[in-house]
Amino acid sequence: MVGKYKVITLCGSTRFKDQFIEAQKNLTLQGNIVITVGLFGHSGDSEALNEETKAMLDDIHKRKIDMSDEIFVINVGGYIGSSTKSEIEYAIAHGKEVRYLENV
């Protein structure tokens, strides 16, 4: 298939690494371009633990949202932390569609 592909950025707590990988695979197989996190700070990537790096990664993730048509929220068990909530608000404010792994 050749065509115009929707660009989707994954958002959510990095403690859900397995769910991020599964969503990336599924959304890609559905014909989307998927942008995901660069590090899994809550799943072992210790580089993301200092505040300066975390602030940079949060800003980079908002730039990824800017490039996207929509975001897909990895909200396992309904969990949405403060960073993810901020990303959802940012996406809505910039006219992006928001979809969720689990119904909210």
N, C-alpha and C. Protein backbone atom coordinates (compact mmCIF):
# COMPACT_ATOMS: atom_id res chain seq x y z
N MET A 1 0.84 -1.19 0.00
CA MET A 1 0.00 0.00 0.00
C MET A 1 0.88 1.24 0.00
N VAL A 2 0.59 2.15 -0.89
CA VAL A 2 1.29 3.42 -0.94
C VAL A 2 0.24 4.50 -0.79
N GLY A 3 0.51 5.45 0.05
CA GLY A 3 -0.47 6.50 0.24
C GLY A 3 -0.06 7.47 1.32
N LYS A 4 -1.05 8.24 1.76
CA LYS A 4 -0.82 9.19 2.85
C LYS A 4 -1.06 8.48 4.16
N TYR A 5 -0.07 8.52 5.01
CA TYR A 5 -0.14 7.82 6.28
C TYR A 5 -0.33 8.82 7.41
N LYS A 6 -1.21 8.46 8.35
CA LYS A 6 -1.42 9.29 9.53
C LYS A 6 -0.18 9.16 10.42
N VAL A 7 0.21 10.28 11.04
CA VAL A 7 1.34 10.28 11.97
C VAL A 7 0.76 10.32 13.39
N ILE A 8 1.16 9.35 14.20
CA ILE A 8 0.65 9.21 15.56
C ILE A 8 1.81 9.20 16.54
N THR A 9 1.71 10.03 17.58
CA THR A 9 2.70 10.01 18.66
C THR A 9 2.11 9.27 19.86
N LEU A 10 2.89 8.33 20.38
CA LEU A 10 2.48 7.61 21.58
C LEU A 10 2.82 8.44 22.81
N CYS A 11 1.89 8.49 23.75
CA CYS A 11 2.09 9.21 25.01
C CYS A 11 1.68 8.29 26.15
N GLY A 12 2.30 8.46 27.30
CA GLY A 12 1.94 7.68 28.47
C GLY A 12 3.14 7.49 29.37
N SER A 13 2.90 6.85 30.50
CA SER A 13 3.97 6.59 31.44
C SER A 13 4.94 5.57 30.85
N THR A 14 6.23 5.86 30.99
CA THR A 14 7.24 4.96 30.45
C THR A 14 7.37 3.68 31.27
N ARG A 15 6.59 3.55 32.34
CA ARG A 15 6.57 2.28 33.08
C ARG A 15 5.86 1.19 32.27
N PHE A 16 5.13 1.62 31.22
CA PHE A 16 4.36 0.69 30.39
C PHE A 16 5.11 0.37 29.09
N LYS A 17 6.38 0.04 29.22
CA LYS A 17 7.24 -0.20 28.05
C LYS A 17 6.66 -1.26 27.12
N ASP A 18 6.22 -2.38 27.67
CA ASP A 18 5.68 -3.46 26.82
C ASP A 18 4.46 -3.00 26.04
N GLN A 19 3.61 -2.20 26.67
CA GLN A 19 2.40 -1.70 25.99
C GLN A 19 2.77 -0.67 24.91
N PHE A 20 3.81 0.13 25.13
CA PHE A 20 4.29 1.05 24.10
C PHE A 20 4.73 0.26 22.88
N ILE A 21 5.52 -0.78 23.09
CA ILE A 21 6.03 -1.58 21.98
C ILE A 21 4.89 -2.25 21.23
N GLU A 22 3.93 -2.79 21.96
CA GLU A 22 2.77 -3.44 21.33
C GLU A 22 1.94 -2.44 20.53
N ALA A 23 1.68 -1.25 21.10
CA ALA A 23 0.91 -0.23 20.39
C ALA A 23 1.65 0.24 19.14
N GLN A 24 2.97 0.41 19.25
CA GLN A 24 3.75 0.83 18.09
C GLN A 24 3.61 -0.19 16.97
N LYS A 25 3.72 -1.45 17.30
CA LYS A 25 3.60 -2.51 16.31
C LYS A 25 2.21 -2.51 15.67
N ASN A 26 1.17 -2.51 16.50
CA ASN A 26 -0.20 -2.57 16.00
C ASN A 26 -0.55 -1.37 15.13
N LEU A 27 -0.19 -0.18 15.59
CA LEU A 27 -0.52 1.03 14.83
C LEU A 27 0.26 1.09 13.52
N THR A 28 1.49 0.60 13.53
CA THR A 28 2.29 0.54 12.30
C THR A 28 1.65 -0.42 11.30
N LEU A 29 1.24 -1.58 11.77
CA LEU A 29 0.61 -2.56 10.89
C LEU A 29 -0.73 -2.08 10.34
N GLN A 30 -1.34 -1.11 11.02
CA GLN A 30 -2.58 -0.50 10.53
C GLN A 30 -2.31 0.58 9.49
N GLY A 31 -1.03 0.84 9.19
CA GLY A 31 -0.68 1.80 8.15
C GLY A 31 -0.42 3.21 8.65
N ASN A 32 0.11 3.34 9.85
CA ASN A 32 0.42 4.64 10.43
C ASN A 32 1.92 4.81 10.60
N ILE A 33 2.36 6.04 10.62
CA ILE A 33 3.73 6.37 11.01
C ILE A 33 3.65 6.64 12.51
N VAL A 34 4.42 5.90 13.30
CA VAL A 34 4.32 5.99 14.75
C VAL A 34 5.59 6.60 15.32
N ILE A 35 5.41 7.64 16.13
CA ILE A 35 6.51 8.29 16.85
C ILE A 35 6.34 7.92 18.32
N THR A 36 7.42 7.51 18.94
CA THR A 36 7.32 7.06 20.33
C THR A 36 8.37 7.76 21.19
N VAL A 37 8.46 7.35 22.43
CA VAL A 37 9.41 7.95 23.36
C VAL A 37 10.82 7.52 23.01
N GLY A 38 11.79 8.31 23.40
CA GLY A 38 13.19 7.99 23.13
C GLY A 38 13.83 7.17 24.24
N LEU A 39 13.30 7.29 25.45
CA LEU A 39 13.82 6.58 26.61
C LEU A 39 12.65 6.09 27.45
N PHE A 40 12.88 5.03 28.19
CA PHE A 40 11.88 4.52 29.13
C PHE A 40 12.42 4.73 30.54
N GLY A 41 12.29 5.96 31.03
CA GLY A 41 12.84 6.35 32.33
C GLY A 41 12.33 5.53 33.49
N HIS A 42 11.07 5.12 33.44
CA HIS A 42 10.49 4.33 34.53
C HIS A 42 10.68 2.83 34.31
N SER A 43 11.38 2.48 33.25
CA SER A 43 11.58 1.05 32.95
C SER A 43 13.06 0.74 32.77
N GLY A 44 13.93 1.54 33.39
CA GLY A 44 15.34 1.18 33.41
C GLY A 44 16.31 2.12 32.72
N ASP A 45 15.83 3.07 31.92
CA ASP A 45 16.75 4.01 31.27
C ASP A 45 17.10 5.12 32.27
N SER A 46 18.19 4.94 32.99
CA SER A 46 18.54 5.86 34.08
C SER A 46 18.93 7.26 33.59
N GLU A 47 19.26 7.42 32.31
CA GLU A 47 19.63 8.74 31.80
C GLU A 47 18.50 9.75 31.95
N ALA A 48 17.27 9.28 31.99
CA ALA A 48 16.11 10.18 32.05
C ALA A 48 15.79 10.62 33.47
N LEU A 49 16.58 10.24 34.44
CA LEU A 49 16.23 10.51 35.82
C LEU A 49 16.57 11.91 36.31
N ASN A 50 17.56 12.58 35.72
CA ASN A 50 17.86 13.92 36.24
C ASN A 50 16.87 14.94 35.67
N GLU A 51 16.63 15.99 36.41
CA GLU A 51 15.58 16.95 36.07
C GLU A 51 15.83 17.70 34.77
N GLU A 52 17.08 18.03 34.49
CA GLU A 52 17.40 18.75 33.25
C GLU A 52 17.09 17.88 32.03
N THR A 53 17.48 16.63 32.09
CA THR A 53 17.20 15.72 30.97
C THR A 53 15.71 15.48 30.84
N LYS A 54 15.01 15.31 31.97
CA LYS A 54 13.57 15.09 31.93
C LYS A 54 12.86 16.28 31.28
N ALA A 55 13.26 17.50 31.62
CA ALA A 55 12.66 18.70 31.02
C ALA A 55 12.90 18.73 29.51
N MET A 56 14.12 18.36 29.09
CA MET A 56 14.43 18.33 27.66
C MET A 56 13.57 17.27 26.96
N LEU A 57 13.46 16.08 27.54
CA LEU A 57 12.67 15.02 26.93
C LEU A 57 11.19 15.40 26.85
N ASP A 58 10.66 16.08 27.87
CA ASP A 58 9.27 16.55 27.83
C ASP A 58 9.06 17.53 26.69
N ASP A 59 10.02 18.43 26.49
CA ASP A 59 9.91 19.40 25.40
C ASP A 59 10.02 18.71 24.04
N ILE A 60 10.94 17.79 23.90
CA ILE A 60 11.08 17.03 22.65
C ILE A 60 9.78 16.31 22.33
N HIS A 61 9.15 15.75 23.36
CA HIS A 61 7.91 15.00 23.12
C HIS A 61 6.80 15.93 22.62
N LYS A 62 6.77 17.15 23.10
CA LYS A 62 5.77 18.11 22.59
C LYS A 62 6.07 18.47 21.14
N ARG A 63 7.32 18.53 20.75
CA ARG A 63 7.66 18.77 19.35
C ARG A 63 7.22 17.58 18.49
N LYS A 64 7.30 16.38 19.03
CA LYS A 64 6.80 15.21 18.31
C LYS A 64 5.30 15.32 18.11
N ILE A 65 4.59 15.80 19.13
CA ILE A 65 3.15 16.01 19.01
C ILE A 65 2.87 17.03 17.91
N ASP A 66 3.68 18.08 17.83
CA ASP A 66 3.52 19.09 16.77
C ASP A 66 3.56 18.46 15.39
N MET A 67 4.38 17.45 15.20
CA MET A 67 4.54 16.80 13.90
C MET A 67 3.44 15.78 13.60
N SER A 68 2.59 15.51 14.58
CA SER A 68 1.62 14.42 14.48
C SER A 68 0.23 14.89 14.09
N ASP A 69 -0.54 13.93 13.58
CA ASP A 69 -1.96 14.16 13.33
C ASP A 69 -2.77 13.88 14.59
N GLU A 70 -2.27 12.97 15.41
CA GLU A 70 -2.98 12.60 16.63
C GLU A 70 -2.00 12.02 17.64
N ILE A 71 -2.50 11.87 18.88
CA ILE A 71 -1.73 11.14 19.88
C ILE A 71 -2.53 9.91 20.29
N PHE A 72 -1.80 8.89 20.72
CA PHE A 72 -2.40 7.66 21.22
C PHE A 72 -1.86 7.46 22.63
N VAL A 73 -2.76 7.51 23.60
CA VAL A 73 -2.37 7.50 25.01
C VAL A 73 -2.35 6.06 25.53
N ILE A 74 -1.21 5.67 26.06
CA ILE A 74 -1.04 4.37 26.71
C ILE A 74 -1.46 4.55 28.17
N ASN A 75 -2.71 4.25 28.47
CA ASN A 75 -3.29 4.51 29.80
C ASN A 75 -3.69 3.19 30.48
N VAL A 76 -2.71 2.36 30.71
CA VAL A 76 -2.95 1.03 31.30
C VAL A 76 -3.63 1.19 32.67
N GLY A 77 -4.73 0.48 32.85
CA GLY A 77 -5.47 0.56 34.10
C GLY A 77 -6.06 1.94 34.34
N GLY A 78 -6.17 2.74 33.28
CA GLY A 78 -6.69 4.10 33.40
C GLY A 78 -5.67 5.10 33.90
N TYR A 79 -4.42 4.68 34.10
CA TYR A 79 -3.41 5.58 34.67
C TYR A 79 -2.97 6.63 33.66
N ILE A 80 -3.07 7.89 34.09
CA ILE A 80 -2.56 9.03 33.32
C ILE A 80 -1.85 9.94 34.31
N GLY A 81 -0.52 9.99 34.22
CA GLY A 81 0.27 10.82 35.12
C GLY A 81 0.29 12.28 34.69
N SER A 82 0.96 13.10 35.46
CA SER A 82 0.96 14.55 35.20
C SER A 82 1.61 14.90 33.86
N SER A 83 2.69 14.24 33.49
CA SER A 83 3.34 14.54 32.20
C SER A 83 2.41 14.18 31.04
N THR A 84 1.78 13.03 31.14
CA THR A 84 0.87 12.61 30.09
C THR A 84 -0.34 13.52 30.03
N LYS A 85 -0.85 13.92 31.18
CA LYS A 85 -1.99 14.86 31.20
C LYS A 85 -1.61 16.16 30.49
N SER A 86 -0.40 16.62 30.74
CA SER A 86 0.09 17.83 30.08
C SER A 86 0.17 17.63 28.56
N GLU A 87 0.61 16.47 28.12
CA GLU A 87 0.69 16.18 26.69
C GLU A 87 -0.70 16.11 26.05
N ILE A 88 -1.66 15.54 26.76
CA ILE A 88 -3.04 15.49 26.26
C ILE A 88 -3.58 16.91 26.10
N GLU A 89 -3.41 17.73 27.12
CA GLU A 89 -3.87 19.12 27.06
C GLU A 89 -3.20 19.86 25.91
N TYR A 90 -1.90 19.65 25.73
CA TYR A 90 -1.16 20.29 24.65
C TYR A 90 -1.71 19.85 23.30
N ALA A 91 -1.93 18.55 23.15
CA ALA A 91 -2.46 18.03 21.87
C ALA A 91 -3.83 18.63 21.57
N ILE A 92 -4.71 18.66 22.54
CA ILE A 92 -6.05 19.22 22.34
C ILE A 92 -5.95 20.69 21.97
N ALA A 93 -5.11 21.44 22.67
CA ALA A 93 -4.95 22.87 22.39
C ALA A 93 -4.43 23.13 20.99
N HIS A 94 -3.74 22.14 20.41
CA HIS A 94 -3.18 22.29 19.07
C HIS A 94 -3.97 21.52 18.02
N GLY A 95 -5.20 21.16 18.35
CA GLY A 95 -6.11 20.56 17.37
C GLY A 95 -5.81 19.13 16.98
N LYS A 96 -5.11 18.40 17.83
CA LYS A 96 -4.76 17.02 17.52
C LYS A 96 -5.85 16.08 18.07
N GLU A 97 -6.13 15.02 17.34
CA GLU A 97 -7.03 14.00 17.84
C GLU A 97 -6.34 13.24 18.97
N VAL A 98 -7.12 12.82 19.97
CA VAL A 98 -6.57 12.06 21.09
C VAL A 98 -7.33 10.74 21.17
N ARG A 99 -6.59 9.64 21.11
CA ARG A 99 -7.18 8.31 21.29
C ARG A 99 -6.47 7.63 22.46
N TYR A 100 -7.15 6.64 23.02
CA TYR A 100 -6.64 5.98 24.21
C TYR A 100 -6.58 4.46 24.00
N LEU A 101 -5.59 3.83 24.64
CA LEU A 101 -5.49 2.39 24.65
C LEU A 101 -6.71 1.80 25.33
N GLU A 102 -7.07 2.34 26.50
CA GLU A 102 -8.22 1.89 27.26
C GLU A 102 -9.24 3.02 27.33
N ASN A 103 -10.52 2.67 27.27
CA ASN A 103 -11.57 3.68 27.32
C ASN A 103 -11.46 4.51 28.59
N VAL A 104 -11.73 5.80 28.44
CA VAL A 104 -11.70 6.71 29.60
C VAL A 104 -13.10 7.14 29.97
